[in-house]
Amino acid sequence: MHALNEIFAHLGIPLLAGFALLLFKIASDPDKITWGTCNDMGLDLTILSIGASGGIFANPTLVQNLGKIDMNPAVLGIFIVLGDFIPLGLLLVIRRYSMPTDLYSGTLNIFLGLSTIAFTTGVLYFGLTGIGG
């Protein structure tokens, strides 16, 4: 249960805040929502994930569990950020060359953003529960 509390604190609250900001953006934008908004949402989720990965390594339980498997928390943090850079790069390429125009491409953009959240959450969960060590 402790791991779920930590995940909610490090990722759940920022994720809810990110969705609230997206709603604010949609409500205040003079233009109608388009499939291109899905690219914005994917980018926002990815940036949220990168930001959340920085603070989680100050958690003493995580640091202790990573020490059991001889993993430096800073190295793991860099690994997470670099792992998040791949979907981020794909989202930026999509933004530059082919903005979403339909359900499929819009969903792909959101999926790429959510994949970074899942990646960061997975590492956090396994690190807090001691799985793998």
Protein backbone atom coordinates (compact mmCIF):
# COMPACT_ATOMS: atom_id res chain seq x y z
CA MET A 1 0.00 0.00 0.00
CA HIS A 2 2.94 2.29 0.71
CA ALA A 3 4.04 2.00 -2.94
CA LEU A 4 0.61 3.06 -4.19
CA ASN A 5 0.66 6.13 -1.94
CA GLU A 6 4.09 7.09 -3.28
CA ILE A 7 3.00 6.57 -6.89
CA PHE A 8 -0.07 8.73 -6.31
CA ALA A 9 2.04 11.43 -4.64
CA HIS A 10 4.73 11.50 -7.33
CA LEU A 11 2.65 10.83 -10.45
CA GLY A 12 -1.07 10.83 -9.68
CA ILE A 13 -1.34 14.39 -8.39
CA PRO A 14 0.79 15.88 -11.20
CA LEU A 15 -1.18 13.84 -13.75
CA LEU A 16 -4.47 15.21 -12.45
CA ALA A 17 -3.02 18.71 -12.51
CA GLY A 18 -1.85 18.12 -16.09
CA PHE A 19 -5.34 17.07 -17.17
CA ALA A 20 -6.81 20.11 -15.42
CA LEU A 21 -4.39 22.38 -17.29
CA LEU A 22 -5.33 20.67 -20.55
CA LEU A 23 -9.00 21.36 -19.84
CA PHE A 24 -8.16 24.99 -19.07
CA LYS A 25 -6.28 25.23 -22.37
CA ILE A 26 -9.17 23.70 -24.32
CA ALA A 27 -11.71 25.96 -22.61
CA SER A 28 -9.72 29.14 -23.19
CA ASP A 29 -8.49 28.44 -26.73
CA PRO A 30 -10.42 30.55 -29.25
CA ASP A 31 -10.07 27.80 -31.87
CA LYS A 32 -11.99 24.53 -31.69
CA ILE A 33 -10.27 21.44 -30.39
CA THR A 34 -8.57 19.45 -33.17
CA TRP A 35 -6.69 16.19 -33.44
CA GLY A 36 -3.55 18.30 -33.14
CA THR A 37 -4.54 18.88 -29.52
CA CYS A 38 -3.74 15.19 -28.99
CA ASN A 39 -0.13 15.97 -29.87
CA ASP A 40 -0.13 18.71 -27.25
CA MET A 41 -1.57 16.26 -24.74
CA GLY A 42 1.08 13.65 -25.56
CA LEU A 43 3.84 16.24 -25.17
CA ASP A 44 2.38 17.45 -21.86
CA LEU A 45 2.23 13.89 -20.51
CA THR A 46 5.82 13.25 -21.56
CA ILE A 47 7.08 16.45 -19.94
CA LEU A 48 5.12 15.55 -16.81
CA SER A 49 6.75 12.13 -16.74
CA ILE A 50 10.24 13.56 -17.14
CA GLY A 51 9.58 16.05 -14.35
CA ALA A 52 8.16 13.39 -12.04
CA SER A 53 11.17 11.14 -12.48
CA GLY A 54 13.47 13.72 -10.92
CA GLY A 55 11.84 13.87 -7.51
CA ILE A 56 11.21 10.19 -6.95
CA PHE A 57 14.82 9.37 -6.21
CA ALA A 58 14.84 11.34 -3.00
CA ASN A 59 12.57 8.62 -1.57
CA PRO A 60 14.51 6.66 1.10
CA THR A 61 12.63 3.38 0.45
CA LEU A 62 13.45 3.54 -3.23
CA VAL A 63 17.10 4.37 -2.58
CA GLN A 64 17.35 1.51 -0.07
CA ASN A 65 15.79 -1.02 -2.47
CA LEU A 66 18.00 0.13 -5.34
CA GLY A 67 21.03 -0.30 -3.08
CA LYS A 68 20.12 -3.98 -2.64
CA ILE A 69 20.68 -4.55 -6.34
CA ASP A 70 23.71 -2.23 -6.58
CA MET A 71 21.84 0.36 -8.64
CA ASN A 72 22.71 4.01 -8.28
CA PRO A 73 19.47 6.03 -8.13
CA ALA A 74 21.00 8.85 -10.19
CA VAL A 75 21.94 6.45 -12.98
CA LEU A 76 18.44 4.99 -12.96
CA GLY A 77 16.96 8.49 -13.05
CA ILE A 78 19.03 9.32 -16.11
CA PHE A 79 17.94 6.03 -17.70
CA ILE A 80 14.28 6.92 -17.14
CA VAL A 81 14.69 10.39 -18.63
CA LEU A 82 16.53 9.00 -21.65
CA GLY A 83 13.80 6.35 -22.04
CA ASP A 84 11.23 9.13 -22.01
CA PHE A 85 13.18 11.05 -24.65
CA ILE A 86 12.38 8.42 -27.31
CA PRO A 87 8.59 8.97 -27.28
CA LEU A 88 9.25 12.71 -26.84
CA GLY A 89 11.35 12.71 -30.01
CA LEU A 90 8.64 10.81 -31.89
CA LEU A 91 6.02 13.31 -30.74
CA LEU A 92 8.18 16.20 -31.89
CA VAL A 93 8.74 14.58 -35.29
CA ILE A 94 4.98 14.07 -35.61
CA ARG A 95 4.40 17.69 -34.65
CA ARG A 96 6.92 18.88 -37.24
CA TYR A 97 5.99 16.68 -40.19
CA SER A 98 2.48 15.23 -39.78
CA MET A 99 0.13 16.65 -37.17
CA PRO A 100 -2.67 14.25 -36.24
CA THR A 101 -5.70 14.47 -38.51
CA ASP A 102 -7.80 11.48 -37.45
CA LEU A 103 -8.67 9.20 -34.53
CA TYR A 104 -5.79 6.80 -35.19
CA SER A 105 -3.04 9.40 -35.31
CA GLY A 106 -4.53 11.35 -32.40
CA THR A 107 -4.69 8.19 -30.29
CA LEU A 108 -1.10 7.37 -31.19
CA ASN A 109 0.02 10.75 -29.83
CA ILE A 110 -1.80 10.22 -26.55
CA PHE A 111 -0.46 6.66 -26.32
CA LEU A 112 3.12 7.88 -26.73
CA GLY A 113 2.62 10.35 -23.88
CA LEU A 114 0.98 7.73 -21.66
CA SER A 115 3.79 5.26 -22.39
CA THR A 116 6.24 7.60 -20.65
CA ILE A 117 3.95 7.79 -17.62
CA ALA A 118 3.70 3.98 -17.57
CA PHE A 119 7.48 3.63 -17.86
CA THR A 120 8.18 6.01 -14.98
CA THR A 121 5.39 4.51 -12.86
CA GLY A 122 6.67 0.99 -13.48
CA VAL A 123 10.19 1.84 -12.40
CA LEU A 124 8.85 3.63 -9.34
CA TYR A 125 6.59 0.71 -8.40
CA PHE A 126 9.28 -1.94 -8.81
CA GLY A 127 11.79 0.21 -6.93
CA LEU A 128 9.43 0.83 -4.00
CA THR A 129 8.22 -2.75 -3.68
CA GLY A 130 11.71 -4.21 -4.01
CA ILE A 131 10.74 -6.44 -6.92
CA GLY A 132 13.83 -7.61 -8.72
CA GLY A 133 16.13 -7.29 -5.75
